[in-house]
Amino acid sequence: MRINIEIKVAETFFSKFLGFMFKKNVNYALLFKNCRSIHTFFMRFNLDIVFLDKENKVIKVVRNVKPFRVVLPIKNSFSILEIPSNIENLTNIESIDF
């Protein structure tokens, strides 16, 4: 399955720290490389969390994570992609190309 969404990479400490916090209307996904868990504190919308291995193959998808939650690490994950839940249907997603 292929999803069509812009992916921005959180590369700096500040961009990783802020992520989607305090944002209202977002129409892109956010990639956190070398990251195994996330939180949704101070977020204003639900997220779909995609755990990726080193080859960007999907290990696990956690759907519709509400604000003020913690998503714990998944074994063998290397990166995390955060996608606003209202943007894409991630049914049967297997890998991410970027």
N, C-alpha and C. Protein backbone atom coordinates (compact mmCIF):
# COMPACT_ATOMS: atom_id res chain seq x y z
N MET A 1 0.83 -1.17 0.00
CA MET A 1 0.00 0.00 0.00
C MET A 1 0.88 1.24 0.00
N ARG A 2 0.47 2.25 -0.71
CA ARG A 2 1.22 3.50 -0.77
C ARG A 2 0.35 4.63 -0.24
N ILE A 3 0.90 5.41 0.70
CA ILE A 3 0.18 6.58 1.17
C ILE A 3 0.86 7.82 0.59
N ASN A 4 0.08 8.83 0.32
CA ASN A 4 0.61 10.07 -0.23
C ASN A 4 0.46 11.17 0.80
N ILE A 5 1.55 11.45 1.47
CA ILE A 5 1.56 12.48 2.50
C ILE A 5 2.97 13.05 2.59
N GLU A 6 3.07 14.34 2.81
CA GLU A 6 4.38 14.96 3.00
C GLU A 6 4.94 14.49 4.33
N ILE A 7 6.24 14.17 4.33
CA ILE A 7 6.92 13.75 5.54
C ILE A 7 8.01 14.75 5.85
N LYS A 8 7.93 15.35 7.02
CA LYS A 8 8.98 16.25 7.50
C LYS A 8 9.80 15.50 8.53
N VAL A 9 11.11 15.72 8.53
CA VAL A 9 11.99 15.03 9.46
C VAL A 9 12.33 15.96 10.62
N ALA A 10 12.12 15.47 11.82
CA ALA A 10 12.52 16.20 13.03
C ALA A 10 13.99 15.88 13.26
N GLU A 11 14.86 16.84 12.92
CA GLU A 11 16.30 16.57 12.97
C GLU A 11 17.00 17.22 14.15
N THR A 12 16.55 18.38 14.57
CA THR A 12 17.21 19.08 15.67
C THR A 12 16.58 18.69 17.00
N PHE A 13 17.28 18.96 18.07
CA PHE A 13 16.74 18.69 19.39
C PHE A 13 15.41 19.41 19.57
N PHE A 14 15.36 20.68 19.17
CA PHE A 14 14.16 21.49 19.36
C PHE A 14 12.99 20.94 18.54
N SER A 15 13.23 20.56 17.28
CA SER A 15 12.14 20.03 16.46
C SER A 15 11.67 18.68 16.98
N LYS A 16 12.57 17.88 17.52
CA LYS A 16 12.18 16.60 18.13
C LYS A 16 11.39 16.84 19.41
N PHE A 17 11.82 17.82 20.19
CA PHE A 17 11.15 18.12 21.44
C PHE A 17 9.73 18.62 21.20
N LEU A 18 9.57 19.54 20.25
CA LEU A 18 8.25 20.12 19.99
C LEU A 18 7.32 19.20 19.21
N GLY A 19 7.84 18.56 18.17
CA GLY A 19 6.99 17.69 17.36
C GLY A 19 5.72 18.40 16.95
N PHE A 20 4.56 17.82 17.25
CA PHE A 20 3.27 18.42 16.94
C PHE A 20 2.65 19.16 18.13
N MET A 21 3.41 19.36 19.20
CA MET A 21 2.84 20.02 20.37
C MET A 21 2.31 21.40 20.01
N PHE A 22 1.15 21.70 20.53
CA PHE A 22 0.47 22.99 20.41
C PHE A 22 -0.04 23.32 19.01
N LYS A 23 0.18 22.47 18.04
CA LYS A 23 -0.28 22.74 16.68
C LYS A 23 -1.76 22.37 16.55
N LYS A 24 -2.48 23.09 15.70
CA LYS A 24 -3.91 22.84 15.52
C LYS A 24 -4.21 22.08 14.24
N ASN A 25 -3.83 22.61 13.11
CA ASN A 25 -4.15 22.00 11.82
C ASN A 25 -2.86 21.56 11.14
N VAL A 26 -2.67 20.26 11.04
CA VAL A 26 -1.46 19.71 10.45
C VAL A 26 -1.85 18.80 9.30
N ASN A 27 -1.16 18.93 8.17
CA ASN A 27 -1.46 18.09 7.00
C ASN A 27 -0.22 17.35 6.51
N TYR A 28 0.68 17.02 7.43
CA TYR A 28 1.90 16.30 7.09
C TYR A 28 2.23 15.32 8.20
N ALA A 29 3.15 14.41 7.90
CA ALA A 29 3.64 13.46 8.91
C ALA A 29 4.99 13.94 9.41
N LEU A 30 5.38 13.46 10.57
CA LEU A 30 6.65 13.85 11.17
C LEU A 30 7.46 12.60 11.50
N LEU A 31 8.69 12.54 10.96
CA LEU A 31 9.56 11.38 11.15
C LEU A 31 10.60 11.69 12.21
N PHE A 32 10.72 10.77 13.17
CA PHE A 32 11.74 10.85 14.22
C PHE A 32 12.69 9.68 14.01
N LYS A 33 13.88 9.97 13.49
CA LYS A 33 14.88 8.91 13.29
C LYS A 33 15.56 8.60 14.62
N ASN A 34 15.99 7.36 14.74
CA ASN A 34 16.67 6.90 15.95
C ASN A 34 15.84 7.22 17.19
N CYS A 35 14.59 6.83 17.14
CA CYS A 35 13.64 7.10 18.21
C CYS A 35 12.77 5.85 18.38
N ARG A 36 12.50 5.48 19.63
CA ARG A 36 11.76 4.24 19.85
C ARG A 36 10.45 4.43 20.59
N SER A 37 10.21 5.59 21.19
CA SER A 37 8.95 5.83 21.89
C SER A 37 8.61 7.31 21.79
N ILE A 38 7.34 7.63 22.02
CA ILE A 38 6.90 9.03 21.94
C ILE A 38 5.86 9.31 23.03
N HIS A 39 5.58 10.60 23.17
CA HIS A 39 4.47 11.03 24.03
C HIS A 39 3.60 11.96 23.20
N THR A 40 2.38 12.16 23.66
CA THR A 40 1.47 13.08 22.97
C THR A 40 1.02 14.20 23.90
N PHE A 41 1.87 14.57 24.83
CA PHE A 41 1.55 15.67 25.74
C PHE A 41 1.42 16.98 24.96
N PHE A 42 0.44 17.76 25.31
CA PHE A 42 0.18 19.07 24.73
C PHE A 42 -0.17 19.03 23.24
N MET A 43 -0.63 17.89 22.77
CA MET A 43 -1.10 17.79 21.39
C MET A 43 -2.59 18.04 21.37
N ARG A 44 -3.09 18.50 20.23
CA ARG A 44 -4.49 18.88 20.12
C ARG A 44 -5.29 17.93 19.22
N PHE A 45 -4.67 16.86 18.78
CA PHE A 45 -5.37 15.92 17.90
C PHE A 45 -4.77 14.53 18.10
N ASN A 46 -5.48 13.52 17.66
CA ASN A 46 -5.02 12.14 17.77
C ASN A 46 -3.99 11.83 16.68
N LEU A 47 -3.12 10.87 16.99
CA LEU A 47 -2.06 10.48 16.06
C LEU A 47 -2.11 8.99 15.76
N ASP A 48 -1.68 8.63 14.56
CA ASP A 48 -1.35 7.25 14.24
C ASP A 48 0.17 7.18 14.31
N ILE A 49 0.69 6.22 15.07
CA ILE A 49 2.12 6.08 15.28
C ILE A 49 2.60 4.85 14.53
N VAL A 50 3.59 5.04 13.64
CA VAL A 50 4.13 3.95 12.84
C VAL A 50 5.57 3.70 13.30
N PHE A 51 5.82 2.50 13.82
CA PHE A 51 7.17 2.10 14.23
C PHE A 51 7.86 1.43 13.05
N LEU A 52 9.07 1.91 12.74
CA LEU A 52 9.81 1.41 11.58
C LEU A 52 11.13 0.79 12.03
N ASP A 53 11.59 -0.23 11.28
CA ASP A 53 12.91 -0.79 11.55
C ASP A 53 13.95 -0.01 10.74
N LYS A 54 15.19 -0.47 10.71
CA LYS A 54 16.26 0.26 10.02
C LYS A 54 16.07 0.31 8.51
N GLU A 55 15.28 -0.60 7.95
CA GLU A 55 15.00 -0.62 6.51
C GLU A 55 13.68 0.07 6.18
N ASN A 56 13.10 0.77 7.14
CA ASN A 56 11.82 1.47 7.01
C ASN A 56 10.64 0.54 6.78
N LYS A 57 10.77 -0.70 7.21
CA LYS A 57 9.63 -1.62 7.18
C LYS A 57 8.83 -1.41 8.45
N VAL A 58 7.53 -1.48 8.30
CA VAL A 58 6.65 -1.25 9.43
C VAL A 58 6.68 -2.43 10.38
N ILE A 59 6.96 -2.14 11.64
CA ILE A 59 6.94 -3.16 12.69
C ILE A 59 5.56 -3.19 13.34
N LYS A 60 5.05 -1.99 13.62
CA LYS A 60 3.76 -1.90 14.30
C LYS A 60 3.15 -0.54 14.03
N VAL A 61 1.82 -0.50 13.98
CA VAL A 61 1.08 0.75 13.88
C VAL A 61 0.15 0.83 15.08
N VAL A 62 0.23 1.95 15.79
CA VAL A 62 -0.66 2.21 16.91
C VAL A 62 -1.57 3.33 16.45
N ARG A 63 -2.85 3.04 16.33
CA ARG A 63 -3.80 3.98 15.75
C ARG A 63 -4.52 4.83 16.79
N ASN A 64 -4.80 6.05 16.37
CA ASN A 64 -5.68 6.93 17.11
C ASN A 64 -5.23 7.18 18.56
N VAL A 65 -3.95 7.49 18.74
CA VAL A 65 -3.41 7.77 20.07
C VAL A 65 -3.87 9.16 20.49
N LYS A 66 -4.53 9.23 21.61
CA LYS A 66 -5.10 10.49 22.09
C LYS A 66 -4.02 11.37 22.73
N PRO A 67 -4.30 12.67 22.83
CA PRO A 67 -3.35 13.56 23.52
C PRO A 67 -3.12 13.13 24.97
N PHE A 68 -1.94 13.49 25.47
CA PHE A 68 -1.51 13.23 26.84
C PHE A 68 -1.36 11.73 27.14
N ARG A 69 -0.82 11.02 26.17
CA ARG A 69 -0.52 9.59 26.33
C ARG A 69 0.97 9.35 26.07
N VAL A 70 1.45 8.19 26.49
CA VAL A 70 2.82 7.74 26.21
C VAL A 70 2.71 6.45 25.42
N VAL A 71 3.48 6.36 24.35
CA VAL A 71 3.55 5.12 23.56
C VAL A 71 4.94 4.53 23.83
N LEU A 72 4.96 3.36 24.44
CA LEU A 72 6.20 2.73 24.87
C LEU A 72 6.99 2.16 23.69
N PRO A 73 8.29 1.91 23.90
CA PRO A 73 9.13 1.39 22.82
C PRO A 73 8.67 0.02 22.31
N ILE A 74 8.94 -0.21 21.05
CA ILE A 74 8.67 -1.49 20.40
C ILE A 74 10.01 -2.12 20.04
N LYS A 75 10.18 -3.38 20.36
CA LYS A 75 11.42 -4.09 20.08
C LYS A 75 11.78 -3.98 18.60
N ASN A 76 13.05 -3.73 18.32
CA ASN A 76 13.63 -3.63 16.97
C ASN A 76 13.19 -2.39 16.19
N SER A 77 12.51 -1.47 16.85
CA SER A 77 12.16 -0.24 16.13
C SER A 77 13.37 0.68 16.08
N PHE A 78 13.43 1.49 15.04
CA PHE A 78 14.54 2.41 14.85
C PHE A 78 14.04 3.85 14.68
N SER A 79 12.90 4.00 14.02
CA SER A 79 12.32 5.31 13.77
C SER A 79 10.82 5.28 14.03
N ILE A 80 10.27 6.47 14.21
CA ILE A 80 8.83 6.59 14.42
C ILE A 80 8.29 7.65 13.48
N LEU A 81 7.17 7.33 12.86
CA LEU A 81 6.46 8.28 12.01
C LEU A 81 5.15 8.62 12.70
N GLU A 82 4.93 9.91 12.94
CA GLU A 82 3.68 10.38 13.53
C GLU A 82 2.81 10.95 12.42
N ILE A 83 1.59 10.46 12.32
CA ILE A 83 0.66 10.91 11.29
C ILE A 83 -0.64 11.31 11.97
N PRO A 84 -1.12 12.54 11.73
CA PRO A 84 -2.43 12.89 12.29
C PRO A 84 -3.48 11.87 11.85
N SER A 85 -4.26 11.39 12.80
CA SER A 85 -5.20 10.30 12.54
C SER A 85 -6.23 10.60 11.46
N ASN A 86 -6.52 11.85 11.24
CA ASN A 86 -7.55 12.19 10.25
C ASN A 86 -7.02 12.31 8.83
N ILE A 87 -5.73 12.07 8.60
CA ILE A 87 -5.15 12.28 7.26
C ILE A 87 -5.20 11.04 6.38
N GLU A 88 -4.68 9.93 6.85
CA GLU A 88 -4.55 8.74 6.01
C GLU A 88 -5.12 7.50 6.70
N ASN A 89 -5.62 6.60 5.90
CA ASN A 89 -6.03 5.29 6.38
C ASN A 89 -4.84 4.37 6.24
N LEU A 90 -4.30 3.86 7.34
CA LEU A 90 -3.07 3.07 7.30
C LEU A 90 -3.32 1.57 7.27
N THR A 91 -4.48 1.16 6.81
CA THR A 91 -4.78 -0.26 6.74
C THR A 91 -3.79 -0.96 5.81
N ASN A 92 -3.21 -2.03 6.27
CA ASN A 92 -2.29 -2.87 5.49
C ASN A 92 -1.01 -2.18 5.07
N ILE A 93 -0.57 -1.15 5.75
CA ILE A 93 0.69 -0.49 5.42
C ILE A 93 1.84 -1.42 5.79
N GLU A 94 2.82 -1.53 4.92
CA GLU A 94 3.94 -2.45 5.14
C GLU A 94 5.29 -1.76 5.26
N SER A 95 5.50 -0.69 4.51
CA SER A 95 6.78 0.02 4.56
C SER A 95 6.54 1.47 4.16
N ILE A 96 7.56 2.29 4.43
CA ILE A 96 7.49 3.71 4.14
C ILE A 96 8.62 4.05 3.17
N ASP A 97 8.32 4.75 2.10
CA ASP A 97 9.33 5.23 1.15
C ASP A 97 9.46 6.73 1.32
N PHE A 98 10.69 7.18 1.56
CA PHE A 98 10.95 8.62 1.62
C PHE A 98 12.39 8.88 1.25
